Amino acid sequence: MSLLNLPDDVLEKILSCMSYDDVSRCRLVCRRMNDVCKRVLNRGFHRVERYHAKCLRQVKSQLPRRESERRKHSLARHCDILTAVETRLSLLGMTFMKFIEMDLCCFILERF
């Protein structure tokens, strides 16, 4: 039995244990692996977006409402960092979302 004889959900489970860089390299094996890897990579991208939004919501909920108090709060730096990450994720989303919608892939094979 070869790896390619396994059902897609089993392949996805195996690929989910690998780094995204390794998964993107596995896309070169064949068309079926490309399709399975695309699903894993796209799902990972959406998972990162959801996790980031959750973290940012949690931090913002603990900050004071007034801007002057918020700047002095111990979580202000965390909020700034998460906001910067939000900007990066937004740019990535704008760049890759059209490829996801065209059933291509959200990650490029080369490293960033």
PDB file of N, CA and C in Angstrom:
ATOM      1  N   MET A   1       0.841  -1.178   0.000  1.00  0.00           N
ATOM      2  CA  MET A   1       0.000   0.000   0.000  1.00  0.00           C
ATOM      3  C   MET A   1       0.887   1.242   0.000  1.00  0.00           C
ATOM      4  N   SER A   2       0.554   2.184  -0.858  1.00  0.00           N
ATOM      5  CA  SER A   2       1.330   3.422  -0.917  1.00  0.00           C
ATOM      6  C   SER A   2       0.582   4.539  -0.194  1.00  0.00           C
ATOM      7  N   LEU A   3       1.281   5.597   0.066  1.00  0.00           N
ATOM      8  CA  LEU A   3       0.702   6.750   0.747  1.00  0.00           C
ATOM      9  C   LEU A   3      -0.469   7.328  -0.048  1.00  0.00           C
ATOM     10  N   LEU A   4      -0.359   7.302  -1.361  1.00  0.00           N
ATOM     11  CA  LEU A   4      -1.397   7.876  -2.214  1.00  0.00           C
ATOM     12  C   LEU A   4      -2.659   7.027  -2.274  1.00  0.00           C
ATOM     13  N   ASN A   5      -2.605   5.803  -1.761  1.00  0.00           N
ATOM     14  CA  ASN A   5      -3.804   4.961  -1.711  1.00  0.00           C
ATOM     15  C   ASN A   5      -4.682   5.287  -0.508  1.00  0.00           C
ATOM     16  N   LEU A   6      -4.173   6.093   0.404  1.00  0.00           N
ATOM     17  CA  LEU A   6      -4.938   6.453   1.598  1.00  0.00           C
ATOM     18  C   LEU A   6      -6.037   7.455   1.241  1.00  0.00           C
ATOM     19  N   PRO A   7      -7.130   7.448   1.990  1.00  0.00           N
ATOM     20  CA  PRO A   7      -8.192   8.441   1.756  1.00  0.00           C
ATOM     21  C   PRO A   7      -7.692   9.862   2.050  1.00  0.00           C
ATOM     22  N   ASP A   8      -8.355  10.843   1.457  1.00  0.00           N
ATOM     23  CA  ASP A   8      -7.937  12.239   1.612  1.00  0.00           C
ATOM     24  C   ASP A   8      -7.905  12.694   3.065  1.00  0.00           C
ATOM     25  N   ASP A   9      -8.902  12.284   3.854  1.00  0.00           N
ATOM     26  CA  ASP A   9      -8.928  12.738   5.250  1.00  0.00           C
ATOM     27  C   ASP A   9      -7.744  12.197   6.044  1.00  0.00           C
ATOM     28  N   VAL A  10      -7.281  10.998   5.712  1.00  0.00           N
ATOM     29  CA  VAL A  10      -6.097  10.433   6.380  1.00  0.00           C
ATOM     30  C   VAL A  10      -4.846  11.197   5.936  1.00  0.00           C
ATOM     31  N   LEU A  11      -4.758  11.489   4.639  1.00  0.00           N
ATOM     32  CA  LEU A  11      -3.625  12.273   4.144  1.00  0.00           C
ATOM     33  C   LEU A  11      -3.588  13.658   4.802  1.00  0.00           C
ATOM     34  N   GLU A  12      -4.759  14.272   4.941  1.00  0.00           N
ATOM     35  CA  GLU A  12      -4.818  15.588   5.583  1.00  0.00           C
ATOM     36  C   GLU A  12      -4.360  15.515   7.035  1.00  0.00           C
ATOM     37  N   LYS A  13      -4.731  14.455   7.716  1.00  0.00           N
ATOM     38  CA  LYS A  13      -4.309  14.276   9.113  1.00  0.00           C
ATOM     39  C   LYS A  13      -2.787  14.145   9.193  1.00  0.00           C
ATOM     40  N   ILE A  14      -2.209  13.371   8.288  1.00  0.00           N
ATOM     41  CA  ILE A  14      -0.749  13.197   8.251  1.00  0.00           C
ATOM     42  C   ILE A  14      -0.074  14.531   7.948  1.00  0.00           C
ATOM     43  N   LEU A  15      -0.589  15.243   6.948  1.00  0.00           N
ATOM     44  CA  LEU A  15       0.007  16.520   6.553  1.00  0.00           C
ATOM     45  C   LEU A  15      -0.129  17.580   7.639  1.00  0.00           C
ATOM     46  N   SER A  16      -1.163  17.478   8.451  1.00  0.00           N
ATOM     47  CA  SER A  16      -1.357  18.469   9.513  1.00  0.00           C
ATOM     48  C   SER A  16      -0.279  18.372  10.596  1.00  0.00           C
ATOM     49  N   CYS A  17       0.464  17.283  10.609  1.00  0.00           N
ATOM     50  CA  CYS A  17       1.567  17.121  11.574  1.00  0.00           C
ATOM     51  C   CYS A  17       2.877  17.709  11.047  1.00  0.00           C
ATOM     52  N   MET A  18       2.868  18.154   9.801  1.00  0.00           N
ATOM     53  CA  MET A  18       4.078  18.680   9.167  1.00  0.00           C
ATOM     54  C   MET A  18       4.064  20.206   9.186  1.00  0.00           C
ATOM     55  N   SER A  19       5.232  20.797   8.967  1.00  0.00           N
ATOM     56  CA  SER A  19       5.293  22.263   8.866  1.00  0.00           C
ATOM     57  C   SER A  19       4.647  22.691   7.547  1.00  0.00           C
ATOM     58  N   TYR A  20       4.198  23.945   7.495  1.00  0.00           N
ATOM     59  CA  TYR A  20       3.574  24.441   6.268  1.00  0.00           C
ATOM     60  C   TYR A  20       4.566  24.469   5.115  1.00  0.00           C
ATOM     61  N   ASP A  21       5.830  24.683   5.418  1.00  0.00           N
ATOM     62  CA  ASP A  21       6.864  24.655   4.387  1.00  0.00           C
ATOM     63  C   ASP A  21       6.965  23.258   3.773  1.00  0.00           C
ATOM     64  N   ASP A  22       6.955  22.227   4.624  1.00  0.00           N
ATOM     65  CA  ASP A  22       7.011  20.849   4.121  1.00  0.00           C
ATOM     66  C   ASP A  22       5.748  20.487   3.346  1.00  0.00           C
ATOM     67  N   VAL A  23       4.605  20.935   3.845  1.00  0.00           N
ATOM     68  CA  VAL A  23       3.343  20.656   3.148  1.00  0.00           C
ATOM     69  C   VAL A  23       3.362  21.301   1.767  1.00  0.00           C
ATOM     70  N   SER A  24       3.860  22.527   1.686  1.00  0.00           N
ATOM     71  CA  SER A  24       3.898  23.196   0.383  1.00  0.00           C
ATOM     72  C   SER A  24       4.836  22.478  -0.582  1.00  0.00           C
ATOM     73  N   ARG A  25       5.901  21.874  -0.076  1.00  0.00           N
ATOM     74  CA  ARG A  25       6.793  21.096  -0.943  1.00  0.00           C
ATOM     75  C   ARG A  25       6.135  19.805  -1.419  1.00  0.00           C
ATOM     76  N   CYS A  26       5.266  19.232  -0.601  1.00  0.00           N
ATOM     77  CA  CYS A  26       4.564  17.996  -0.985  1.00  0.00           C
ATOM     78  C   CYS A  26       3.599  18.221  -2.138  1.00  0.00           C
ATOM     79  N   ARG A  27       3.241  19.471  -2.394  1.00  0.00           N
ATOM     80  CA  ARG A  27       2.346  19.776  -3.509  1.00  0.00           C
ATOM     81  C   ARG A  27       2.941  19.354  -4.841  1.00  0.00           C
ATOM     82  N   LEU A  28       4.253  19.233  -4.909  1.00  0.00           N
ATOM     83  CA  LEU A  28       4.928  18.896  -6.164  1.00  0.00           C
ATOM     84  C   LEU A  28       4.816  17.421  -6.539  1.00  0.00           C
ATOM     85  N   VAL A  29       4.354  16.578  -5.620  1.00  0.00           N
ATOM     86  CA  VAL A  29       4.327  15.128  -5.842  1.00  0.00           C
ATOM     87  C   VAL A  29       3.405  14.757  -6.999  1.00  0.00           C
ATOM     88  N   CYS A  30       2.157  15.184  -6.927  1.00  0.00           N
ATOM     89  CA  CYS A  30       1.184  14.882  -7.979  1.00  0.00           C
ATOM     90  C   CYS A  30      -0.031  15.783  -7.796  1.00  0.00           C
ATOM     91  N   ARG A  31      -0.972  15.700  -8.714  1.00  0.00           N
ATOM     92  CA  ARG A  31      -2.157  16.570  -8.645  1.00  0.00           C
ATOM     93  C   ARG A  31      -3.002  16.297  -7.410  1.00  0.00           C
ATOM     94  N   ARG A  32      -3.146  15.048  -7.065  1.00  0.00           N
ATOM     95  CA  ARG A  32      -3.960  14.720  -5.891  1.00  0.00           C
ATOM     96  C   ARG A  32      -3.331  15.290  -4.619  1.00  0.00           C
ATOM     97  N   MET A  33      -2.014  15.122  -4.477  1.00  0.00           N
ATOM     98  CA  MET A  33      -1.327  15.685  -3.306  1.00  0.00           C
ATOM     99  C   MET A  33      -1.421  17.211  -3.316  1.00  0.00           C
ATOM    100  N   ASN A  34      -1.359  17.808  -4.494  1.00  0.00           N
ATOM    101  CA  ASN A  34      -1.508  19.255  -4.602  1.00  0.00           C
ATOM    102  C   ASN A  34      -2.864  19.689  -4.051  1.00  0.00           C
ATOM    103  N   ASP A  35      -3.926  18.985  -4.428  1.00  0.00           N
ATOM    104  CA  ASP A  35      -5.271  19.326  -3.951  1.00  0.00           C
ATOM    105  C   ASP A  35      -5.396  19.158  -2.438  1.00  0.00           C
ATOM    106  N   VAL A  36      -4.868  18.058  -1.922  1.00  0.00           N
ATOM    107  CA  VAL A  36      -4.946  17.802  -0.478  1.00  0.00           C
ATOM    108  C   VAL A  36      -4.119  18.840   0.283  1.00  0.00           C
ATOM    109  N   CYS A  37      -2.930  19.136  -0.209  1.00  0.00           N
ATOM    110  CA  CYS A  37      -2.063  20.118   0.451  1.00  0.00           C
ATOM    111  C   CYS A  37      -2.683  21.513   0.412  1.00  0.00           C
ATOM    112  N   LYS A  38      -3.329  21.859  -0.696  1.00  0.00           N
ATOM    113  CA  LYS A  38      -3.993  23.163  -0.779  1.00  0.00           C
ATOM    114  C   LYS A  38      -5.041  23.306   0.315  1.00  0.00           C
ATOM    115  N   ARG A  39      -5.814  22.257   0.532  1.00  0.00           N
ATOM    116  CA  ARG A  39      -6.841  22.312   1.584  1.00  0.00           C
ATOM    117  C   ARG A  39      -6.203  22.514   2.957  1.00  0.00           C
ATOM    118  N   VAL A  40      -5.110  21.791   3.216  1.00  0.00           N
ATOM    119  CA  VAL A  40      -4.425  21.912   4.511  1.00  0.00           C
ATOM    120  C   VAL A  40      -3.863  23.325   4.692  1.00  0.00           C
ATOM    121  N   LEU A  41      -3.226  23.851   3.663  1.00  0.00           N
ATOM    122  CA  LEU A  41      -2.632  25.186   3.751  1.00  0.00           C
ATOM    123  C   LEU A  41      -3.696  26.270   3.894  1.00  0.00           C
ATOM    124  N   ASN A  42      -4.754  26.175   3.114  1.00  0.00           N
ATOM    125  CA  ASN A  42      -5.824  27.174   3.203  1.00  0.00           C
ATOM    126  C   ASN A  42      -6.507  27.129   4.563  1.00  0.00           C
ATOM    127  N   ARG A  43      -6.737  25.931   5.066  1.00  0.00           N
ATOM    128  CA  ARG A  43      -7.344  25.781   6.390  1.00  0.00           C
ATOM    129  C   ARG A  43      -6.431  26.385   7.457  1.00  0.00           C
ATOM    130  N   GLY A  44      -5.125  26.175   7.318  1.00  0.00           N
ATOM    131  CA  GLY A  44      -4.161  26.740   8.264  1.00  0.00           C
ATOM    132  C   GLY A  44      -4.175  28.260   8.250  1.00  0.00           C
ATOM    133  N   PHE A  45      -4.278  28.834   7.070  1.00  0.00           N
ATOM    134  CA  PHE A  45      -4.330  30.290   6.950  1.00  0.00           C
ATOM    135  C   PHE A  45      -5.565  30.843   7.659  1.00  0.00           C
ATOM    136  N   HIS A  46      -6.719  30.222   7.440  1.00  0.00           N
ATOM    137  CA  HIS A  46      -7.956  30.665   8.094  1.00  0.00           C
ATOM    138  C   HIS A  46      -7.886  30.454   9.609  1.00  0.00           C
ATOM    139  N   ARG A  47      -7.243  29.372  10.032  1.00  0.00           N
ATOM    140  CA  ARG A  47      -7.103  29.101  11.464  1.00  0.00           C
ATOM    141  C   ARG A  47      -6.258  30.188  12.135  1.00  0.00           C
ATOM    142  N   VAL A  48      -5.194  30.608  11.470  1.00  0.00           N
ATOM    143  CA  VAL A  48      -4.349  31.681  12.009  1.00  0.00           C
ATOM    144  C   VAL A  48      -5.151  32.974  12.134  1.00  0.00           C
ATOM    145  N   GLU A  49      -5.949  33.280  11.113  1.00  0.00           N
ATOM    146  CA  GLU A  49      -6.770  34.495  11.174  1.00  0.00           C
ATOM    147  C   GLU A  49      -7.749  34.456  12.350  1.00  0.00           C
ATOM    148  N   ARG A  50      -8.408  33.313  12.540  1.00  0.00           N
ATOM    149  CA  ARG A  50      -9.375  33.190  13.641  1.00  0.00           C
ATOM    150  C   ARG A  50      -8.687  33.266  15.001  1.00  0.00           C
ATOM    151  N   TYR A  51      -7.533  32.589  15.140  1.00  0.00           N
ATOM    152  CA  TYR A  51      -6.812  32.591  16.411  1.00  0.00           C
ATOM    153  C   TYR A  51      -6.335  34.002  16.755  1.00  0.00           C
ATOM    154  N   HIS A  52      -5.818  34.700  15.779  1.00  0.00           N
ATOM    155  CA  HIS A  52      -5.360  36.068  16.010  1.00  0.00           C
ATOM    156  C   HIS A  52      -6.519  36.958  16.445  1.00  0.00           C
ATOM    157  N   ALA A  53      -7.651  36.850  15.766  1.00  0.00           N
ATOM    158  CA  ALA A  53      -8.820  37.667  16.123  1.00  0.00           C
ATOM    159  C   ALA A  53      -9.264  37.378  17.556  1.00  0.00           C
ATOM    160  N   LYS A  54      -9.218  36.111  17.944  1.00  0.00           N
ATOM    161  CA  LYS A  54      -9.595  35.723  19.310  1.00  0.00           C
ATOM    162  C   LYS A  54      -8.636  36.346  20.330  1.00  0.00           C
ATOM    163  N   CYS A  55      -7.333  36.252  20.066  1.00  0.00           N
ATOM    164  CA  CYS A  55      -6.330  36.822  20.982  1.00  0.00           C
ATOM    165  C   CYS A  55      -6.489  38.333  21.098  1.00  0.00           C
ATOM    166  N   LEU A  56      -6.680  38.998  19.974  1.00  0.00           N
ATOM    167  CA  LEU A  56      -6.833  40.451  19.989  1.00  0.00           C
ATOM    168  C   LEU A  56      -8.084  40.861  20.761  1.00  0.00           C
ATOM    169  N   ARG A  57      -9.175  40.129  20.576  1.00  0.00           N
ATOM    170  CA  ARG A  57     -10.411  40.412  21.317  1.00  0.00           C
ATOM    171  C   ARG A  57     -10.197  40.275  22.819  1.00  0.00           C
ATOM    172  N   GLN A  58      -9.487  39.204  23.222  1.00  0.00           N
ATOM    173  CA  GLN A  58      -9.240  38.974  24.648  1.00  0.00           C
ATOM    174  C   GLN A  58      -8.406  40.094  25.260  1.00  0.00           C
ATOM    175  N   VAL A  59      -7.363  40.510  24.560  1.00  0.00           N
ATOM    176  CA  VAL A  59      -6.501  41.572  25.083  1.00  0.00           C
ATOM    177  C   VAL A  59      -7.265  42.892  25.139  1.00  0.00           C
ATOM    178  N   LYS A  60      -7.988  43.219  24.068  1.00  0.00           N
ATOM    179  CA  LYS A  60      -8.732  44.486  24.044  1.00  0.00           C
ATOM    180  C   LYS A  60      -9.812  44.539  25.116  1.00  0.00           C
ATOM    181  N   SER A  61     -10.398  43.399  25.430  1.00  0.00           N
ATOM    182  CA  SER A  61     -11.453  43.388  26.454  1.00  0.00           C
ATOM    183  C   SER A  61     -10.902  43.698  27.846  1.00  0.00           C
ATOM    184  N   GLN A  62      -9.596  43.502  28.042  1.00  0.00           N
ATOM    185  CA  GLN A  62      -8.976  43.762  29.342  1.00  0.00           C
ATOM    186  C   GLN A  62      -8.408  45.174  29.454  1.00  0.00           C
ATOM    187  N   LEU A  63      -8.393  45.898  28.349  1.00  0.00           N
ATOM    188  CA  LEU A  63      -7.858  47.261  28.365  1.00  0.00           C
ATOM    189  C   LEU A  63      -8.931  48.259  28.780  1.00  0.00           C
ATOM    190  N   PRO A  64      -8.524  49.352  29.436  1.00  0.00           N
ATOM    191  CA  PRO A  64      -9.489  50.405  29.781  1.00  0.00           C
ATOM    192  C   PRO A  64     -10.039  51.074  28.514  1.00  0.00           C
ATOM    193  N   ARG A  65     -11.194  51.678  28.634  1.00  0.00           N
ATOM    194  CA  ARG A  65     -11.832  52.320  27.482  1.00  0.00           C
ATOM    195  C   ARG A  65     -11.166  53.652  27.111  1.00  0.00           C
ATOM    196  N   ARG A  66     -10.697  54.369  28.092  1.00  0.00           N
ATOM    197  CA  ARG A  66     -10.081  55.672  27.828  1.00  0.00           C
ATOM    198  C   ARG A  66      -8.680  55.497  27.261  1.00  0.00           C
ATOM    199  N   GLU A  67      -8.397  56.228  26.193  1.00  0.00           N
ATOM    200  CA  GLU A  67      -7.106  56.132  25.507  1.00  0.00           C
ATOM    201  C   GLU A  67      -5.941  56.459  26.435  1.00  0.00           C
ATOM    202  N   SER A  68      -6.075  57.472  27.272  1.00  0.00           N
ATOM    203  CA  SER A  68      -4.980  57.875  28.166  1.00  0.00           C
ATOM    204  C   SER A  68      -4.645  56.767  29.165  1.00  0.00           C
ATOM    205  N   GLU A  69      -5.654  56.055  29.641  1.00  0.00           N
ATOM    206  CA  GLU A  69      -5.421  54.942  30.572  1.00  0.00           C
ATOM    207  C   GLU A  69      -4.915  53.705  29.833  1.00  0.00           C
ATOM    208  N   ARG A  70      -5.390  53.544  28.611  1.00  0.00           N
ATOM    209  CA  ARG A  70      -5.006  52.374  27.819  1.00  0.00           C
ATOM    210  C   ARG A  70      -3.506  52.375  27.523  1.00  0.00           C
ATOM    211  N   ARG A  71      -2.934  53.529  27.231  1.00  0.00           N
ATOM    212  CA  ARG A  71      -1.502  53.637  26.910  1.00  0.00           C
ATOM    213  C   ARG A  71      -0.622  53.224  28.082  1.00  0.00           C
ATOM    214  N   LYS A  72      -1.107  53.419  29.298  1.00  0.00           N
ATOM    215  CA  LYS A  72      -0.318  53.121  30.500  1.00  0.00           C
ATOM    216  C   LYS A  72      -0.534  51.698  31.003  1.00  0.00           C
ATOM    217  N   HIS A  73      -1.488  51.012  30.437  1.00  0.00           N
ATOM    218  CA  HIS A  73      -1.843  49.668  30.901  1.00  0.00           C
ATOM    219  C   HIS A  73      -0.739  48.671  30.542  1.00  0.00           C
ATOM    220  N   SER A  74      -0.589  47.635  31.360  1.00  0.00           N
ATOM    221  CA  SER A  74       0.468  46.636  31.135  1.00  0.00           C
ATOM    222  C   SER A  74       0.254  45.833  29.850  1.00  0.00           C
ATOM    223  N   LEU A  75      -0.967  45.759  29.352  1.00  0.00           N
ATOM    224  CA  LEU A  75      -1.238  45.009  28.116  1.00  0.00           C
ATOM    225  C   LEU A  75      -1.186  45.881  26.857  1.00  0.00           C
ATOM    226  N   ALA A  76      -0.848  47.155  27.016  1.00  0.00           N
ATOM    227  CA  ALA A  76      -0.825  48.067  25.866  1.00  0.00           C
ATOM    228  C   ALA A  76       0.161  47.592  24.800  1.00  0.00           C
ATOM    229  N   ARG A  77       1.318  47.141  25.233  1.00  0.00           N
ATOM    230  CA  ARG A  77       2.334  46.670  24.274  1.00  0.00           C
ATOM    231  C   ARG A  77       1.843  45.423  23.540  1.00  0.00           C
ATOM    232  N   HIS A  78       1.181  44.527  24.251  1.00  0.00           N
ATOM    233  CA  HIS A  78       0.629  43.323  23.618  1.00  0.00           C
ATOM    234  C   HIS A  78      -0.394  43.703  22.550  1.00  0.00           C
ATOM    235  N   CYS A  79      -1.218  44.668  22.878  1.00  0.00           N
ATOM    236  CA  CYS A  79      -2.237  45.130  21.935  1.00  0.00           C
ATOM    237  C   CYS A  79      -1.581  45.742  20.695  1.00  0.00           C
ATOM    238  N   ASP A  80      -0.527  46.518  20.899  1.00  0.00           N
ATOM    239  CA  ASP A  80       0.198  47.112  19.769  1.00  0.00           C
ATOM    240  C   ASP A  80       0.773  46.037  18.855  1.00  0.00           C
ATOM    241  N   ILE A  81       1.351  45.013  19.454  1.00  0.00           N
ATOM    242  CA  ILE A  81       1.939  43.922  18.674  1.00  0.00           C
ATOM    243  C   ILE A  81       0.856  43.177  17.902  1.00  0.00           C
ATOM    244  N   LEU A  82      -0.242  42.859  18.576  1.00  0.00           N
ATOM    245  CA  LEU A  82      -1.338  42.155  17.905  1.00  0.00           C
ATOM    246  C   LEU A  82      -1.950  43.000  16.791  1.00  0.00           C
ATOM    247  N   THR A  83      -1.975  44.296  16.966  1.00  0.00           N
ATOM    248  CA  THR A  83      -2.483  45.183  15.919  1.00  0.00           C
ATOM    249  C   THR A  83      -1.541  45.182  14.717  1.00  0.00           C
ATOM    250  N   ALA A  84      -0.235  45.157  14.974  1.00  0.00           N
ATOM    251  CA  ALA A  84       0.736  45.080  13.878  1.00  0.00           C
ATOM    252  C   ALA A  84       0.592  43.756  13.131  1.00  0.00           C
ATOM    253  N   VAL A  85       0.389  42.674  13.874  1.00  0.00           N
ATOM    254  CA  VAL A  85       0.176  41.362  13.244  1.00  0.00           C
ATOM    255  C   VAL A  85      -1.114  41.385  12.430  1.00  0.00           C
ATOM    256  N   GLU A  86      -2.130  42.067  12.951  1.00  0.00           N
ATOM    257  CA  GLU A  86      -3.401  42.184  12.228  1.00  0.00           C
ATOM    258  C   GLU A  86      -3.193  42.852  10.870  1.00  0.00           C
ATOM    259  N   THR A  87      -2.343  43.872  10.838  1.00  0.00           N
ATOM    260  CA  THR A  87      -2.040  44.555   9.581  1.00  0.00           C
ATOM    261  C   THR A  87      -1.377  43.598   8.604  1.00  0.00           C
ATOM    262  N   ARG A  88      -0.412  42.828   9.093  1.00  0.00           N
ATOM    263  CA  ARG A  88       0.272  41.857   8.226  1.00  0.00           C
ATOM    264  C   ARG A  88      -0.687  40.799   7.704  1.00  0.00           C
ATOM    265  N   LEU A  89      -1.534  40.279   8.593  1.00  0.00           N
ATOM    266  CA  LEU A  89      -2.508  39.272   8.177  1.00  0.00           C
ATOM    267  C   LEU A  89      -3.488  39.843   7.162  1.00  0.00           C
ATOM    268  N   SER A  90      -3.865  41.077   7.351  1.00  0.00           N
ATOM    269  CA  SER A  90      -4.777  41.725   6.413  1.00  0.00           C
ATOM    270  C   SER A  90      -4.136  41.840   5.034  1.00  0.00           C
ATOM    271  N   LEU A  91      -2.868  42.225   5.003  1.00  0.00           N
ATOM    272  CA  LEU A  91      -2.157  42.310   3.723  1.00  0.00           C
ATOM    273  C   LEU A  91      -2.028  40.938   3.072  1.00  0.00           C
ATOM    274  N   LEU A  92      -1.710  39.925   3.879  1.00  0.00           N
ATOM    275  CA  LEU A  92      -1.639  38.565   3.338  1.00  0.00           C
ATOM    276  C   LEU A  92      -2.997  38.128   2.799  1.00  0.00           C
ATOM    277  N   GLY A  93      -4.048  38.442   3.543  1.00  0.00           N
ATOM    278  CA  GLY A  93      -5.396  38.090   3.101  1.00  0.00           C
ATOM    279  C   GLY A  93      -5.744  38.747   1.783  1.00  0.00           C
ATOM    280  N   MET A  94      -5.413  40.040   1.651  1.00  0.00           N
ATOM    281  CA  MET A  94      -5.693  40.739   0.394  1.00  0.00           C
ATOM    282  C   MET A  94      -4.897  40.138  -0.757  1.00  0.00           C
ATOM    283  N   THR A  95      -3.685  39.697  -0.470  1.00  0.00           N
ATOM    284  CA  THR A  95      -2.839  39.116  -1.504  1.00  0.00           C
ATOM    285  C   THR A  95      -3.311  37.728  -1.906  1.00  0.00           C
ATOM    286  N   PHE A  96      -3.635  36.883  -0.920  1.00  0.00           N
ATOM    287  CA  PHE A  96      -3.896  35.478  -1.204  1.00  0.00           C
ATOM    288  C   PHE A  96      -5.362  35.111  -1.363  1.00  0.00           C
ATOM    289  N   MET A  97      -6.274  35.944  -0.870  1.00  0.00           N
ATOM    290  CA  MET A  97      -7.686  35.571  -0.913  1.00  0.00           C
ATOM    291  C   MET A  97      -8.166  35.332  -2.338  1.00  0.00           C
ATOM    292  N   LYS A  98      -7.675  36.116  -3.299  1.00  0.00           N
ATOM    293  CA  LYS A  98      -8.099  35.902  -4.685  1.00  0.00           C
ATOM    294  C   LYS A  98      -7.639  34.538  -5.190  1.00  0.00           C
ATOM    295  N   PHE A  99      -6.479  34.068  -4.738  1.00  0.00           N
ATOM    296  CA  PHE A  99      -5.996  32.753  -5.152  1.00  0.00           C
ATOM    297  C   PHE A  99      -6.797  31.637  -4.493  1.00  0.00           C
ATOM    298  N   ILE A 100      -7.204  31.863  -3.242  1.00  0.00           N
ATOM    299  CA  ILE A 100      -8.035  30.876  -2.550  1.00  0.00           C
ATOM    300  C   ILE A 100      -9.374  30.759  -3.264  1.00  0.00           C
ATOM    301  N   GLU A 101      -9.966  31.888  -3.606  1.00  0.00           N
ATOM    302  CA  GLU A 101     -11.264  31.880  -4.285  1.00  0.00           C
ATOM    303  C   GLU A 101     -11.185  31.275  -5.677  1.00  0.00           C
ATOM    304  N   MET A 102     -10.026  31.351  -6.323  1.00  0.00           N
ATOM    305  CA  MET A 102      -9.843  30.755  -7.650  1.00  0.00           C
ATOM    306  C   MET A 102      -9.422  29.292  -7.546  1.00  0.00           C
ATOM    307  N   ASP A 103      -9.484  28.729  -6.331  1.00  0.00           N
ATOM    308  CA  ASP A 103      -9.097  27.346  -6.053  1.00  0.00           C
ATOM    309  C   ASP A 103      -7.626  27.094  -6.358  1.00  0.00           C
ATOM    310  N   LEU A 104      -6.817  28.098  -6.109  1.00  0.00           N
ATOM    311  CA  LEU A 104      -5.378  27.912  -6.166  1.00  0.00           C
ATOM    312  C   LEU A 104      -4.925  27.742  -4.728  1.00  0.00           C
ATOM    313  N   CYS A 105      -3.799  28.306  -4.352  1.00  0.00           N
ATOM    314  CA  CYS A 105      -3.318  28.074  -2.998  1.00  0.00           C
ATOM    315  C   CYS A 105      -3.008  29.372  -2.284  1.00  0.00           C
ATOM    316  N   CYS A 106      -3.084  29.363  -0.968  1.00  0.00           N
ATOM    317  CA  CYS A 106      -2.825  30.596  -0.226  1.00  0.00           C
ATOM    318  C   CYS A 106      -1.358  30.763   0.143  1.00  0.00           C
ATOM    319  N   PHE A 107      -0.573  29.731   0.037  1.00  0.00           N
ATOM    320  CA  PHE A 107       0.841  29.857   0.354  1.00  0.00           C
ATOM    321  C   PHE A 107       1.683  29.633  -0.887  1.00  0.00           C
ATOM    322  N   ILE A 108       2.731  30.436  -1.020  1.00  0.00           N
ATOM    323  CA  ILE A 108       3.648  30.311  -2.144  1.00  0.00           C
ATOM    324  C   ILE A 108       4.755  29.360  -1.721  1.00  0.00           C
ATOM    325  N   LEU A 109       5.268  28.596  -2.662  1.00  0.00           N
ATOM    326  CA  LEU A 109       6.241  27.557  -2.346  1.00  0.00           C
ATOM    327  C   LEU A 109       7.513  28.098  -1.689  1.00  0.00           C
ATOM    328  N   GLU A 110       7.977  29.276  -2.119  1.00  0.00           N
ATOM    329  CA  GLU A 110       9.177  29.835  -1.502  1.00  0.00           C
ATOM    330  C   GLU A 110       8.848  30.367  -0.119  1.00  0.00           C
ATOM    331  N   ARG A 111       9.879  30.511   0.687  1.00  0.00           N
ATOM    332  CA  ARG A 111       9.698  31.087   2.025  1.00  0.00           C
ATOM    333  C   ARG A 111       9.625  32.593   1.915  1.00  0.00           C
ATOM    334  N   PHE A 112       8.953  33.189   2.882  1.00  0.00           N
ATOM    335  CA  PHE A 112       8.838  34.651   2.914  1.00  0.00           C
ATOM    336  C   PHE A 112      10.058  35.232   3.549  1.00  0.00           C
TER     337      PHE A 112
END
